[in-house]
């Protein structure tokens, strides 16, 4: 999973467990130096891919896995600092850093440092001031990607405009799909993740339907 890739890339000497349920075993960093296998530093792009997969799979909602807390409080700051705990260099695109920061606002922070302080509801809606600042940062970056533009519209809390942008993204994805595309690229997970925030956090019932927008993923 991308979250483990982030963990290894940002903190190669940190604790990591990989469960193998079919074997009823677990690989642990106590026994294996996973960091030695990392040959490329993560970037904000890695974070964005991890965020999208965790949202559309519903993994971000699993409180005890603290995925949202790690994404917001550990991995994002490390990427801004160029992953200082890694011997590898990390260089993120400024627009992707701004996109990452905006999405971090949708991850509920912890009230403290103990497990009892972890949020039960792992996604939250940023307040108007936070959304305005995130929108201002995106506006200052010039040309945005389709998913960044969709996020920018979401920050305005404007459902009709969001649905128009979403429909455009899905149409462009369908028309640009190649017959020999890799299976993992068939669904626009970044677009679906932002649409899931619109449904789960903003509380919208979207009027846009598409085979590229599975309802089960919007409500995962």
N, C-alpha and C. Protein backbone atom coordinates (compact mmCIF):
# COMPACT_ATOMS: atom_id res chain seq x y z
N UNK A 1 0.84 -1.19 0.00
CA UNK A 1 0.00 0.00 0.00
C UNK A 1 0.88 1.24 0.00
N UNK A 2 0.35 2.30 -0.63
CA UNK A 2 1.10 3.55 -0.71
C UNK A 2 1.44 4.11 0.67
N UNK A 3 0.59 3.88 1.66
CA UNK A 3 0.87 4.40 3.00
C UNK A 3 2.14 3.78 3.56
N UNK A 4 2.34 2.49 3.30
CA UNK A 4 3.58 1.85 3.77
C UNK A 4 4.78 2.38 2.99
N UNK A 5 4.59 2.65 1.72
CA UNK A 5 5.66 3.26 0.92
C UNK A 5 6.05 4.61 1.51
N UNK A 6 5.05 5.38 1.91
CA UNK A 6 5.32 6.67 2.55
C UNK A 6 6.07 6.48 3.85
N UNK A 7 5.62 5.53 4.65
CA UNK A 7 6.24 5.30 5.94
C UNK A 7 7.71 4.92 5.79
N UNK A 8 7.99 4.01 4.88
CA UNK A 8 9.38 3.59 4.66
C UNK A 8 10.21 4.72 4.07
N UNK A 9 9.62 5.47 3.14
CA UNK A 9 10.36 6.54 2.49
C UNK A 9 10.67 7.70 3.41
N UNK A 10 9.70 8.06 4.26
CA UNK A 10 9.88 9.20 5.16
C UNK A 10 10.70 8.82 6.39
N UNK A 11 10.47 7.60 6.88
CA UNK A 11 11.13 7.16 8.12
C UNK A 11 11.68 5.75 7.93
N UNK A 12 12.77 5.61 7.17
CA UNK A 12 13.28 4.28 6.83
C UNK A 12 13.71 3.45 8.04
N UNK A 13 14.01 4.09 9.15
CA UNK A 13 14.41 3.36 10.35
C UNK A 13 13.28 3.24 11.36
N UNK A 14 12.08 3.61 10.95
CA UNK A 14 10.94 3.57 11.86
C UNK A 14 10.35 2.18 12.00
N UNK A 15 9.37 2.06 12.88
CA UNK A 15 8.70 0.78 13.10
C UNK A 15 7.72 0.50 11.97
N UNK A 16 7.70 -0.74 11.51
CA UNK A 16 6.76 -1.12 10.46
C UNK A 16 6.43 -2.60 10.61
N UNK A 17 5.13 -2.90 10.54
CA UNK A 17 4.68 -4.29 10.57
C UNK A 17 3.87 -4.56 9.32
N UNK A 18 4.12 -5.70 8.69
CA UNK A 18 3.39 -6.11 7.50
C UNK A 18 2.69 -7.43 7.81
N UNK A 19 1.37 -7.40 8.04
CA UNK A 19 0.66 -8.64 8.37
C UNK A 19 0.52 -9.55 7.15
N UNK A 20 0.65 -10.84 7.37
CA UNK A 20 0.44 -11.86 6.34
C UNK A 20 -0.66 -12.79 6.85
N UNK A 21 -1.92 -12.37 6.73
CA UNK A 21 -3.03 -13.10 7.37
C UNK A 21 -3.19 -14.53 6.88
N UNK A 22 -2.89 -14.79 5.60
CA UNK A 22 -3.05 -16.15 5.10
C UNK A 22 -2.04 -17.11 5.73
N UNK A 23 -0.91 -16.56 6.13
CA UNK A 23 0.12 -17.38 6.78
C UNK A 23 0.06 -17.27 8.30
N UNK A 24 -0.82 -16.39 8.77
CA UNK A 24 -0.92 -16.13 10.21
C UNK A 24 0.44 -15.71 10.78
N UNK A 25 1.12 -14.86 10.02
CA UNK A 25 2.42 -14.36 10.44
C UNK A 25 2.50 -12.86 10.17
N UNK A 26 3.59 -12.27 10.60
CA UNK A 26 3.79 -10.83 10.42
C UNK A 26 5.28 -10.55 10.22
N UNK A 27 5.56 -9.71 9.23
CA UNK A 27 6.93 -9.24 9.03
C UNK A 27 7.09 -7.95 9.82
N UNK A 28 8.19 -7.82 10.52
CA UNK A 28 8.39 -6.67 11.39
C UNK A 28 9.75 -6.05 11.16
N UNK A 29 9.80 -4.73 11.32
CA UNK A 29 11.08 -4.02 11.21
C UNK A 29 12.01 -4.38 12.37
N UNK A 30 11.50 -5.08 13.36
CA UNK A 30 12.36 -5.56 14.44
C UNK A 30 13.28 -6.66 13.93
N UNK A 31 12.85 -7.34 12.86
CA UNK A 31 13.62 -8.47 12.32
C UNK A 31 14.21 -8.19 10.94
N UNK A 32 13.59 -7.27 10.20
CA UNK A 32 14.01 -6.99 8.83
C UNK A 32 14.22 -5.50 8.67
N UNK A 33 15.29 -5.12 7.99
CA UNK A 33 15.54 -3.70 7.73
C UNK A 33 14.86 -3.32 6.42
N UNK A 34 13.57 -2.96 6.50
CA UNK A 34 12.82 -2.62 5.31
C UNK A 34 13.42 -1.42 4.58
N UNK A 35 13.98 -0.49 5.34
CA UNK A 35 14.51 0.73 4.74
C UNK A 35 15.59 0.49 3.73
N UNK A 36 16.30 -0.64 3.84
CA UNK A 36 17.38 -0.94 2.89
C UNK A 36 16.84 -1.17 1.48
N UNK A 37 15.55 -1.49 1.38
CA UNK A 37 14.96 -1.77 0.07
C UNK A 37 14.46 -0.51 -0.63
N UNK A 38 14.50 0.62 0.05
CA UNK A 38 13.99 1.87 -0.52
C UNK A 38 15.08 2.51 -1.38
N UNK A 39 14.79 2.71 -2.66
CA UNK A 39 15.78 3.32 -3.55
C UNK A 39 15.29 4.63 -4.17
N UNK A 40 14.11 5.07 -3.76
CA UNK A 40 13.57 6.32 -4.29
C UNK A 40 12.78 7.01 -3.19
N UNK A 41 13.07 8.28 -2.98
CA UNK A 41 12.40 9.03 -1.92
C UNK A 41 10.96 9.36 -2.32
N UNK A 42 10.04 9.35 -1.37
CA UNK A 42 8.67 9.75 -1.68
C UNK A 42 8.58 11.25 -1.90
N UNK A 43 7.54 11.66 -2.57
CA UNK A 43 7.27 13.08 -2.79
C UNK A 43 5.80 13.35 -2.45
N UNK A 44 5.38 14.58 -2.64
CA UNK A 44 3.96 14.90 -2.42
C UNK A 44 3.07 14.06 -3.33
N UNK A 45 3.57 13.69 -4.51
CA UNK A 45 2.80 12.84 -5.42
C UNK A 45 2.50 11.50 -4.76
N UNK A 46 3.49 10.93 -4.07
CA UNK A 46 3.29 9.68 -3.35
C UNK A 46 2.20 9.85 -2.30
N UNK A 47 2.24 10.98 -1.59
CA UNK A 47 1.24 11.26 -0.55
C UNK A 47 -0.14 11.34 -1.17
N UNK A 48 -0.28 12.05 -2.29
CA UNK A 48 -1.58 12.22 -2.92
C UNK A 48 -2.15 10.88 -3.38
N UNK A 49 -1.30 10.03 -3.93
CA UNK A 49 -1.76 8.70 -4.34
C UNK A 49 -2.22 7.89 -3.13
N UNK A 50 -1.45 7.99 -2.03
CA UNK A 50 -1.83 7.25 -0.82
C UNK A 50 -3.15 7.77 -0.26
N UNK A 51 -3.31 9.08 -0.22
CA UNK A 51 -4.55 9.67 0.28
C UNK A 51 -5.74 9.17 -0.53
N UNK A 52 -5.62 9.22 -1.85
CA UNK A 52 -6.73 8.81 -2.70
C UNK A 52 -7.11 7.35 -2.45
N UNK A 53 -6.13 6.48 -2.40
CA UNK A 53 -6.41 5.06 -2.19
C UNK A 53 -7.01 4.80 -0.81
N UNK A 54 -6.53 5.51 0.20
CA UNK A 54 -7.06 5.31 1.55
C UNK A 54 -8.49 5.82 1.68
N UNK A 55 -8.83 6.87 0.95
CA UNK A 55 -10.20 7.40 1.00
C UNK A 55 -11.15 6.49 0.23
N UNK A 56 -10.81 6.13 -1.00
CA UNK A 56 -11.75 5.35 -1.82
C UNK A 56 -11.89 3.91 -1.31
N UNK A 57 -10.90 3.41 -0.58
CA UNK A 57 -10.99 2.06 -0.02
C UNK A 57 -11.69 2.05 1.33
N UNK A 58 -11.84 3.23 1.94
CA UNK A 58 -12.43 3.32 3.27
C UNK A 58 -11.43 3.11 4.39
N UNK A 59 -10.16 2.84 4.04
CA UNK A 59 -9.15 2.58 5.08
C UNK A 59 -8.95 3.78 5.99
N UNK A 60 -9.13 4.98 5.45
CA UNK A 60 -8.91 6.18 6.26
C UNK A 60 -9.91 6.27 7.41
N UNK A 61 -11.04 5.58 7.29
CA UNK A 61 -12.06 5.63 8.34
C UNK A 61 -11.78 4.66 9.50
N UNK A 62 -10.81 3.79 9.34
CA UNK A 62 -10.50 2.82 10.39
C UNK A 62 -9.67 3.51 11.47
N UNK A 63 -10.33 3.89 12.54
CA UNK A 63 -9.74 4.72 13.58
C UNK A 63 -8.42 4.19 14.11
N UNK A 64 -8.37 2.91 14.41
CA UNK A 64 -7.20 2.36 15.09
C UNK A 64 -5.99 2.22 14.18
N UNK A 65 -6.18 2.38 12.88
CA UNK A 65 -5.04 2.34 11.96
C UNK A 65 -4.36 3.70 11.85
N UNK A 66 -4.99 4.73 12.39
CA UNK A 66 -4.49 6.11 12.44
C UNK A 66 -3.89 6.57 11.11
N UNK A 67 -4.48 6.14 10.01
CA UNK A 67 -3.95 6.51 8.69
C UNK A 67 -4.05 8.01 8.47
N UNK A 68 -5.20 8.59 8.81
CA UNK A 68 -5.36 10.03 8.62
C UNK A 68 -4.38 10.84 9.45
N UNK A 69 -4.16 10.40 10.68
CA UNK A 69 -3.22 11.11 11.56
C UNK A 69 -1.80 11.04 11.01
N UNK A 70 -1.41 9.88 10.50
CA UNK A 70 -0.08 9.74 9.93
C UNK A 70 0.08 10.61 8.69
N UNK A 71 -0.93 10.60 7.83
CA UNK A 71 -0.86 11.41 6.61
C UNK A 71 -0.74 12.89 6.94
N UNK A 72 -1.54 13.34 7.91
CA UNK A 72 -1.57 14.77 8.22
C UNK A 72 -0.40 15.21 9.08
N UNK A 73 -0.11 14.48 10.13
CA UNK A 73 0.82 14.98 11.15
C UNK A 73 2.25 14.47 11.01
N UNK A 74 2.45 13.37 10.29
CA UNK A 74 3.79 12.80 10.15
C UNK A 74 4.33 12.93 8.73
N UNK A 75 3.60 12.34 7.78
CA UNK A 75 4.14 12.27 6.42
C UNK A 75 4.15 13.63 5.72
N UNK A 76 3.08 14.41 5.83
CA UNK A 76 3.04 15.71 5.15
C UNK A 76 4.15 16.65 5.63
N UNK A 77 4.35 16.83 6.95
CA UNK A 77 5.45 17.68 7.39
C UNK A 77 6.82 17.17 6.93
N UNK A 78 7.00 15.84 6.94
CA UNK A 78 8.28 15.28 6.51
C UNK A 78 8.54 15.60 5.04
N UNK A 79 7.51 15.54 4.22
CA UNK A 79 7.67 15.84 2.79
C UNK A 79 7.98 17.32 2.58
N UNK A 80 7.37 18.19 3.37
CA UNK A 80 7.69 19.61 3.27
C UNK A 80 9.16 19.86 3.62
N UNK A 81 9.70 19.07 4.52
CA UNK A 81 11.09 19.23 4.95
C UNK A 81 12.07 18.44 4.10
N UNK A 82 11.56 17.78 3.04
CA UNK A 82 12.46 17.00 2.19
C UNK A 82 12.87 15.68 2.79
N UNK A 83 11.99 15.04 3.54
CA UNK A 83 12.21 13.76 4.24
C UNK A 83 13.60 13.71 4.90
N UNK A 84 13.80 14.51 5.95
CA UNK A 84 15.13 14.64 6.57
C UNK A 84 15.67 13.36 7.21
N UNK A 85 14.79 12.39 7.49
CA UNK A 85 15.25 11.15 8.12
C UNK A 85 15.70 10.11 7.09
N UNK A 86 15.60 10.46 5.82
CA UNK A 86 16.01 9.55 4.75
C UNK A 86 17.32 10.03 4.14
N UNK A 87 18.20 9.11 3.72
CA UNK A 87 19.42 9.52 3.03
C UNK A 87 19.17 9.94 1.59
N UNK A 88 17.95 9.72 1.10
CA UNK A 88 17.60 10.05 -0.28
C UNK A 88 17.02 11.45 -0.36
N UNK A 89 17.17 12.07 -1.52
CA UNK A 89 16.65 13.42 -1.74
C UNK A 89 15.21 13.35 -2.24
N UNK A 90 14.39 14.23 -1.70
CA UNK A 90 12.98 14.31 -2.11
C UNK A 90 12.68 15.73 -2.58
N UNK A 91 12.16 15.84 -3.79
CA UNK A 91 11.82 17.14 -4.36
C UNK A 91 10.38 17.09 -4.87
N UNK A 92 9.49 17.80 -4.20
CA UNK A 92 8.07 17.79 -4.55
C UNK A 92 7.70 19.00 -5.37
N UNK A 93 6.72 18.81 -6.26
CA UNK A 93 6.18 19.90 -7.05
C UNK A 93 5.40 20.84 -6.13
N UNK A 94 5.61 22.16 -6.24
CA UNK A 94 4.91 23.11 -5.35
C UNK A 94 3.39 22.98 -5.40
N UNK A 95 2.85 22.75 -6.60
CA UNK A 95 1.40 22.62 -6.71
C UNK A 95 0.91 21.36 -5.99
N UNK A 96 1.69 20.30 -6.04
CA UNK A 96 1.30 19.07 -5.35
C UNK A 96 1.43 19.23 -3.84
N UNK A 97 2.39 20.03 -3.39
CA UNK A 97 2.47 20.32 -1.96
C UNK A 97 1.24 21.11 -1.50
N UNK A 98 0.81 22.09 -2.31
CA UNK A 98 -0.38 22.87 -1.96
C UNK A 98 -1.62 21.99 -1.97
N UNK A 99 -1.70 21.09 -2.94
CA UNK A 99 -2.82 20.14 -3.00
C UNK A 99 -2.82 19.24 -1.76
N UNK A 100 -1.65 18.77 -1.39
CA UNK A 100 -1.51 17.94 -0.19
C UNK A 100 -1.97 18.70 1.05
N UNK A 101 -1.54 19.94 1.17
CA UNK A 101 -1.91 20.73 2.34
C UNK A 101 -3.41 20.96 2.41
N UNK A 102 -4.04 21.19 1.25
CA UNK A 102 -5.49 21.38 1.24
C UNK A 102 -6.22 20.11 1.67
N UNK A 103 -5.76 18.97 1.19
CA UNK A 103 -6.39 17.70 1.56
C UNK A 103 -6.15 17.35 3.03
N UNK A 104 -5.01 17.78 3.57
CA UNK A 104 -4.74 17.55 4.99
C UNK A 104 -5.83 18.16 5.87
N UNK A 105 -6.41 19.26 5.40
CA UNK A 105 -7.44 19.93 6.19
C UNK A 105 -8.68 19.06 6.38
N UNK A 106 -8.85 18.07 5.50
CA UNK A 106 -10.00 17.17 5.60
C UNK A 106 -9.73 15.97 6.52
N UNK A 107 -8.52 15.89 7.06
CA UNK A 107 -8.17 14.81 7.97
C UNK A 107 -8.24 15.33 9.40
N UNK A 108 -9.06 14.72 10.22
CA UNK A 108 -9.27 15.19 11.59
C UNK A 108 -7.99 15.06 12.41
N UNK A 109 -7.53 16.14 13.04
CA UNK A 109 -6.32 16.04 13.88
C UNK A 109 -6.65 15.37 15.21
N UNK A 110 -5.61 14.90 15.87
CA UNK A 110 -5.78 14.31 17.20
C UNK A 110 -5.84 15.42 18.25
N UNK A 111 -6.56 15.15 19.33
CA UNK A 111 -6.66 16.12 20.42
C UNK A 111 -5.44 16.08 21.33
N UNK A 112 -4.65 15.02 21.21
CA UNK A 112 -3.46 14.87 22.05
C UNK A 112 -2.58 13.76 21.50
N UNK A 113 -1.68 13.24 22.33
CA UNK A 113 -0.69 12.28 21.86
C UNK A 113 -1.00 10.84 22.25
N UNK A 114 -2.07 10.61 22.98
CA UNK A 114 -2.40 9.27 23.44
C UNK A 114 -3.50 8.66 22.58
N UNK A 115 -3.59 7.33 22.53
CA UNK A 115 -4.64 6.69 21.74
C UNK A 115 -6.04 7.18 22.07
N UNK A 116 -6.29 7.54 23.32
CA UNK A 116 -7.63 8.04 23.67
C UNK A 116 -7.94 9.38 23.00
N UNK A 117 -6.89 10.05 22.51
CA UNK A 117 -7.07 11.35 21.86
C UNK A 117 -7.31 11.22 20.36
N UNK A 118 -7.22 10.00 19.83
CA UNK A 118 -7.44 9.82 18.40
C UNK A 118 -8.91 10.08 18.07
N UNK A 119 -9.19 10.72 16.94
CA UNK A 119 -10.58 11.03 16.59
C UNK A 119 -11.36 9.79 16.17
N UNK A 120 -12.61 9.72 16.59
CA UNK A 120 -13.48 8.63 16.15
C UNK A 120 -13.95 8.87 14.71
N UNK A 121 -14.17 10.14 14.37
CA UNK A 121 -14.55 10.52 13.01
C UNK A 121 -13.29 11.06 12.35
N UNK A 122 -12.77 10.34 11.38
CA UNK A 122 -11.43 10.63 10.87
C UNK A 122 -11.39 11.67 9.76
N UNK A 123 -12.55 11.99 9.18
CA UNK A 123 -12.63 13.04 8.16
C UNK A 123 -13.42 14.21 8.71
N UNK A 124 -13.03 15.42 8.33
CA UNK A 124 -13.71 16.61 8.84
C UNK A 124 -13.75 17.68 7.75
N UNK A 125 -14.66 18.63 7.91
CA UNK A 125 -14.75 19.73 6.95
C UNK A 125 -13.96 20.93 7.47
N UNK A 126 -13.03 21.44 6.67
CA UNK A 126 -12.30 22.64 7.09
C UNK A 126 -13.25 23.81 7.25
N UNK A 127 -12.90 24.75 8.12
CA UNK A 127 -13.76 25.92 8.26
C UNK A 127 -13.53 26.86 7.09
N UNK A 128 -14.35 27.90 7.01
CA UNK A 128 -14.33 28.80 5.85
C UNK A 128 -12.97 29.47 5.68
N UNK A 129 -12.35 29.86 6.78
CA UNK A 129 -11.04 30.53 6.70
C UNK A 129 -9.97 29.58 6.18
N UNK A 130 -10.00 28.34 6.64
CA UNK A 130 -9.03 27.35 6.17
C UNK A 130 -9.22 27.07 4.68
N UNK A 131 -10.46 26.94 4.26
CA UNK A 131 -10.72 26.68 2.84
C UNK A 131 -10.28 27.86 1.99
N UNK A 132 -10.53 29.06 2.47
CA UNK A 132 -10.15 30.26 1.70
C UNK A 132 -8.64 30.35 1.54
N UNK A 133 -7.89 30.04 2.59
CA UNK A 133 -6.43 30.09 2.52
C UNK A 133 -5.90 29.02 1.58
N UNK A 134 -6.46 27.82 1.65
CA UNK A 134 -6.03 26.75 0.75
C UNK A 134 -6.35 27.11 -0.70
N UNK A 135 -7.51 27.72 -0.92
CA UNK A 135 -7.88 28.14 -2.27
C UNK A 135 -6.94 29.22 -2.78
N UNK A 136 -6.57 30.14 -1.90
CA UNK A 136 -5.65 31.22 -2.30
C UNK A 136 -4.30 30.64 -2.73
N UNK A 137 -3.83 29.65 -2.01
CA UNK A 137 -2.55 29.03 -2.37
C UNK A 137 -2.62 28.35 -3.73
N UNK A 138 -3.70 27.64 -3.97
CA UNK A 138 -3.86 26.97 -5.26
C UNK A 138 -3.98 27.99 -6.39
N UNK A 139 -4.71 29.08 -6.13
CA UNK A 139 -4.88 30.11 -7.15
C UNK A 139 -3.55 30.75 -7.54
N UNK A 140 -2.60 30.77 -6.62
CA UNK A 140 -1.33 31.41 -6.90
C UNK A 140 -0.35 30.55 -7.66
N UNK A 141 -0.76 29.35 -8.05
CA UNK A 141 0.17 28.41 -8.68
C UNK A 141 0.01 28.31 -10.18
N UNK A 142 -0.88 29.10 -10.75
CA UNK A 142 -1.03 29.09 -12.21
C UNK A 142 -1.87 27.91 -12.68
N UNK A 143 -1.36 27.19 -13.67
CA UNK A 143 -2.11 26.08 -14.28
C UNK A 143 -2.17 24.90 -13.32
N UNK A 144 -3.38 24.41 -13.08
CA UNK A 144 -3.60 23.29 -12.17
C UNK A 144 -3.98 22.04 -12.95
N UNK A 145 -3.76 20.89 -12.35
CA UNK A 145 -4.21 19.64 -12.95
C UNK A 145 -5.73 19.53 -12.79
N UNK A 146 -6.38 18.63 -13.53
CA UNK A 146 -7.84 18.48 -13.37
C UNK A 146 -8.25 18.18 -11.93
N UNK A 147 -7.52 17.32 -11.24
CA UNK A 147 -7.88 17.01 -9.85
C UNK A 147 -7.65 18.20 -8.93
N UNK A 148 -6.62 18.98 -9.20
CA UNK A 148 -6.39 20.19 -8.40
C UNK A 148 -7.49 21.21 -8.64
N UNK A 149 -7.95 21.33 -9.87
CA UNK A 149 -9.05 22.25 -10.16
C UNK A 149 -10.34 21.78 -9.47
N UNK A 150 -10.56 20.48 -9.47
CA UNK A 150 -11.75 19.94 -8.81
C UNK A 150 -11.70 20.22 -7.31
N UNK A 151 -10.54 20.02 -6.71
CA UNK A 151 -10.37 20.33 -5.28
C UNK A 151 -10.58 21.81 -5.03
N UNK A 152 -10.08 22.62 -5.94
CA UNK A 152 -10.24 24.07 -5.79
C UNK A 152 -11.72 24.46 -5.76
N UNK A 153 -12.53 23.83 -6.59
CA UNK A 153 -13.97 24.11 -6.60
C UNK A 153 -14.62 23.60 -5.31
N UNK A 154 -14.18 22.45 -4.83
CA UNK A 154 -14.72 21.92 -3.57
C UNK A 154 -14.48 22.89 -2.43
N UNK A 155 -13.33 23.54 -2.44
CA UNK A 155 -13.00 24.49 -1.37
C UNK A 155 -13.97 25.68 -1.35
N UNK A 156 -14.61 25.96 -2.49
CA UNK A 156 -15.61 27.03 -2.55
C UNK A 156 -16.95 26.59 -1.98
N UNK A 157 -17.09 25.28 -1.71
CA UNK A 157 -18.34 24.74 -1.16
C UNK A 157 -19.52 25.04 -2.07
N UNK A 158 -19.30 24.90 -3.38
CA UNK A 158 -20.30 25.23 -4.40
C UNK A 158 -20.67 23.94 -5.13
N UNK A 159 -21.78 23.32 -4.76
CA UNK A 159 -22.12 22.01 -5.33
C UNK A 159 -22.38 22.05 -6.83
N UNK A 160 -23.18 22.99 -7.37
CA UNK A 160 -23.39 22.99 -8.82
C UNK A 160 -22.09 23.14 -9.61
N UNK A 161 -21.20 24.04 -9.17
CA UNK A 161 -19.92 24.21 -9.86
C UNK A 161 -19.07 22.95 -9.73
N UNK A 162 -19.15 22.32 -8.57
CA UNK A 162 -18.38 21.09 -8.37
C UNK A 162 -18.87 19.99 -9.30
N UNK A 163 -20.17 19.85 -9.43
CA UNK A 163 -20.70 18.79 -10.30
C UNK A 163 -20.32 19.03 -11.75
N UNK A 164 -20.28 20.28 -12.18
CA UNK A 164 -19.85 20.57 -13.55
C UNK A 164 -18.38 20.18 -13.74
N UNK A 165 -17.55 20.55 -12.78
CA UNK A 165 -16.13 20.22 -12.87
C UNK A 165 -15.92 18.70 -12.81
N UNK A 166 -16.67 18.03 -11.97
CA UNK A 166 -16.56 16.58 -11.83
C UNK A 166 -16.95 15.89 -13.13
N UNK A 167 -18.06 16.32 -13.73
CA UNK A 167 -18.49 15.73 -14.99
C UNK A 167 -17.43 15.92 -16.07
N UNK A 168 -16.81 17.09 -16.09
CA UNK A 168 -15.75 17.35 -17.06
C UNK A 168 -14.55 16.44 -16.85
N UNK A 169 -14.16 16.25 -15.59
CA UNK A 169 -13.03 15.36 -15.28
C UNK A 169 -13.31 13.93 -15.75
N UNK A 170 -14.51 13.45 -15.48
CA UNK A 170 -14.85 12.08 -15.84
C UNK A 170 -14.91 11.90 -17.35
N UNK A 171 -15.44 12.90 -18.04
CA UNK A 171 -15.48 12.83 -19.51
C UNK A 171 -14.07 12.81 -20.09
N UNK A 172 -13.22 13.68 -19.58
CA UNK A 172 -11.84 13.73 -20.08
C UNK A 172 -11.12 12.41 -19.80
N UNK A 173 -11.38 11.83 -18.63
CA UNK A 173 -10.73 10.56 -18.30
C UNK A 173 -11.19 9.46 -19.25
N UNK A 174 -12.48 9.41 -19.52
CA UNK A 174 -13.02 8.38 -20.41
C UNK A 174 -12.45 8.54 -21.82
N UNK A 175 -12.43 9.77 -22.30
CA UNK A 175 -11.95 10.01 -23.67
C UNK A 175 -10.44 9.80 -23.79
N UNK A 176 -9.72 9.96 -22.69
CA UNK A 176 -8.27 9.79 -22.75
C UNK A 176 -7.80 8.39 -22.41
N UNK A 177 -8.73 7.51 -22.05
CA UNK A 177 -8.34 6.15 -21.67
C UNK A 177 -7.83 5.37 -22.88
N UNK A 178 -6.71 4.68 -22.71
CA UNK A 178 -6.12 3.90 -23.79
C UNK A 178 -6.56 2.45 -23.69
N UNK A 179 -6.71 1.77 -24.84
CA UNK A 179 -7.13 0.37 -24.81
C UNK A 179 -6.17 -0.54 -24.04
N UNK A 180 -4.89 -0.17 -24.04
CA UNK A 180 -3.89 -1.01 -23.36
C UNK A 180 -3.49 -0.44 -22.00
N UNK A 181 -4.35 0.40 -21.43
CA UNK A 181 -4.02 1.03 -20.15
C UNK A 181 -3.85 -0.01 -19.05
N UNK A 182 -2.92 0.26 -18.14
CA UNK A 182 -2.71 -0.63 -17.00
C UNK A 182 -3.97 -0.65 -16.14
N UNK A 183 -4.34 -1.80 -15.59
CA UNK A 183 -5.57 -1.89 -14.80
C UNK A 183 -5.65 -0.86 -13.68
N UNK A 184 -4.52 -0.56 -13.03
CA UNK A 184 -4.56 0.36 -11.90
C UNK A 184 -4.86 1.79 -12.32
N UNK A 185 -4.79 2.08 -13.63
CA UNK A 185 -5.07 3.44 -14.11
C UNK A 185 -6.50 3.59 -14.63
N UNK A 186 -7.28 2.52 -14.64
CA UNK A 186 -8.60 2.58 -15.27
C UNK A 186 -9.56 3.47 -14.50
N UNK A 187 -9.46 3.48 -13.18
CA UNK A 187 -10.32 4.35 -12.38
C UNK A 187 -9.56 5.60 -11.97
N UNK A 188 -10.18 6.78 -12.11
CA UNK A 188 -9.52 8.03 -11.70
C UNK A 188 -9.60 8.21 -10.19
N UNK A 189 -8.73 7.53 -9.46
CA UNK A 189 -8.85 7.50 -8.00
C UNK A 189 -8.73 8.87 -7.36
N UNK A 190 -7.91 9.75 -7.95
CA UNK A 190 -7.80 11.10 -7.40
C UNK A 190 -9.11 11.85 -7.48
N UNK A 191 -9.77 11.75 -8.64
CA UNK A 191 -11.07 12.39 -8.83
C UNK A 191 -12.11 11.78 -7.89
N UNK A 192 -12.12 10.46 -7.80
CA UNK A 192 -13.09 9.78 -6.94
C UNK A 192 -12.90 10.18 -5.48
N UNK A 193 -11.64 10.32 -5.06
CA UNK A 193 -11.38 10.69 -3.66
C UNK A 193 -11.93 12.07 -3.34
N UNK A 194 -11.74 13.03 -4.24
CA UNK A 194 -12.27 14.37 -4.00
C UNK A 194 -13.80 14.34 -4.01
N UNK A 195 -14.38 13.55 -4.92
CA UNK A 195 -15.84 13.41 -4.94
C UNK A 195 -16.33 12.75 -3.65
N UNK A 196 -15.56 11.81 -3.12
CA UNK A 196 -15.93 11.16 -1.85
C UNK A 196 -15.94 12.17 -0.71
N UNK A 197 -15.01 13.11 -0.72
CA UNK A 197 -15.01 14.17 0.29
C UNK A 197 -16.27 15.02 0.16
N UNK A 198 -16.69 15.28 -1.07
CA UNK A 198 -17.91 16.06 -1.29
C UNK A 198 -19.11 15.35 -0.69
N UNK A 199 -19.15 14.02 -0.84
CA UNK A 199 -20.28 13.23 -0.34
C UNK A 199 -20.19 13.04 1.18
N UNK A 200 -19.04 12.59 1.64
CA UNK A 200 -18.91 12.19 3.04
C UNK A 200 -18.72 13.36 4.00
N UNK A 201 -18.05 14.40 3.53
CA UNK A 201 -17.73 15.52 4.42
C UNK A 201 -18.67 16.70 4.19
N UNK A 202 -18.84 17.10 2.93
CA UNK A 202 -19.73 18.24 2.65
C UNK A 202 -21.20 17.82 2.68
N UNK A 203 -21.45 16.51 2.62
CA UNK A 203 -22.82 16.02 2.75
C UNK A 203 -23.66 16.16 1.50
N UNK A 204 -23.01 16.21 0.33
CA UNK A 204 -23.76 16.39 -0.91
C UNK A 204 -24.22 15.05 -1.47
N UNK A 205 -25.38 15.08 -2.11
CA UNK A 205 -25.83 13.95 -2.92
C UNK A 205 -25.59 14.36 -4.37
N UNK A 206 -24.56 13.81 -4.96
CA UNK A 206 -24.13 14.26 -6.27
C UNK A 206 -25.09 13.79 -7.36
N UNK A 207 -25.33 14.69 -8.31
CA UNK A 207 -26.19 14.36 -9.44
C UNK A 207 -25.42 13.83 -10.64
N UNK A 208 -24.14 13.59 -10.48
CA UNK A 208 -23.29 13.09 -11.57
C UNK A 208 -23.17 11.58 -11.44
N UNK A 209 -23.44 10.87 -12.52
CA UNK A 209 -23.28 9.41 -12.52
C UNK A 209 -22.34 9.02 -13.65
N UNK A 210 -21.56 7.99 -13.40
CA UNK A 210 -20.60 7.52 -14.40
C UNK A 210 -20.08 6.16 -13.95
N UNK A 211 -19.75 5.32 -14.93
CA UNK A 211 -19.12 4.04 -14.60
C UNK A 211 -17.75 4.26 -13.97
N UNK A 212 -17.19 5.44 -14.19
CA UNK A 212 -15.89 5.77 -13.60
C UNK A 212 -16.03 6.39 -12.21
N UNK A 213 -17.26 6.43 -11.70
CA UNK A 213 -17.52 7.00 -10.38
C UNK A 213 -18.39 6.04 -9.58
N UNK A 214 -17.84 4.89 -9.17
CA UNK A 214 -18.64 3.89 -8.45
C UNK A 214 -19.18 4.43 -7.14
N UNK A 215 -20.48 4.26 -6.94
CA UNK A 215 -21.10 4.75 -5.71
C UNK A 215 -20.51 4.08 -4.47
N UNK A 216 -20.10 2.83 -4.61
CA UNK A 216 -19.54 2.12 -3.45
C UNK A 216 -18.25 2.77 -2.97
N UNK A 217 -17.49 3.38 -3.88
CA UNK A 217 -16.25 4.04 -3.49
C UNK A 217 -16.51 5.43 -2.92
N UNK A 218 -17.58 6.07 -3.37
CA UNK A 218 -17.92 7.39 -2.82
C UNK A 218 -18.32 7.29 -1.36
N UNK A 219 -18.83 6.15 -0.97
CA UNK A 219 -19.31 5.98 0.40
C UNK A 219 -18.50 4.95 1.19
N UNK A 220 -17.29 4.68 0.73
CA UNK A 220 -16.47 3.65 1.39
C UNK A 220 -16.15 4.04 2.83
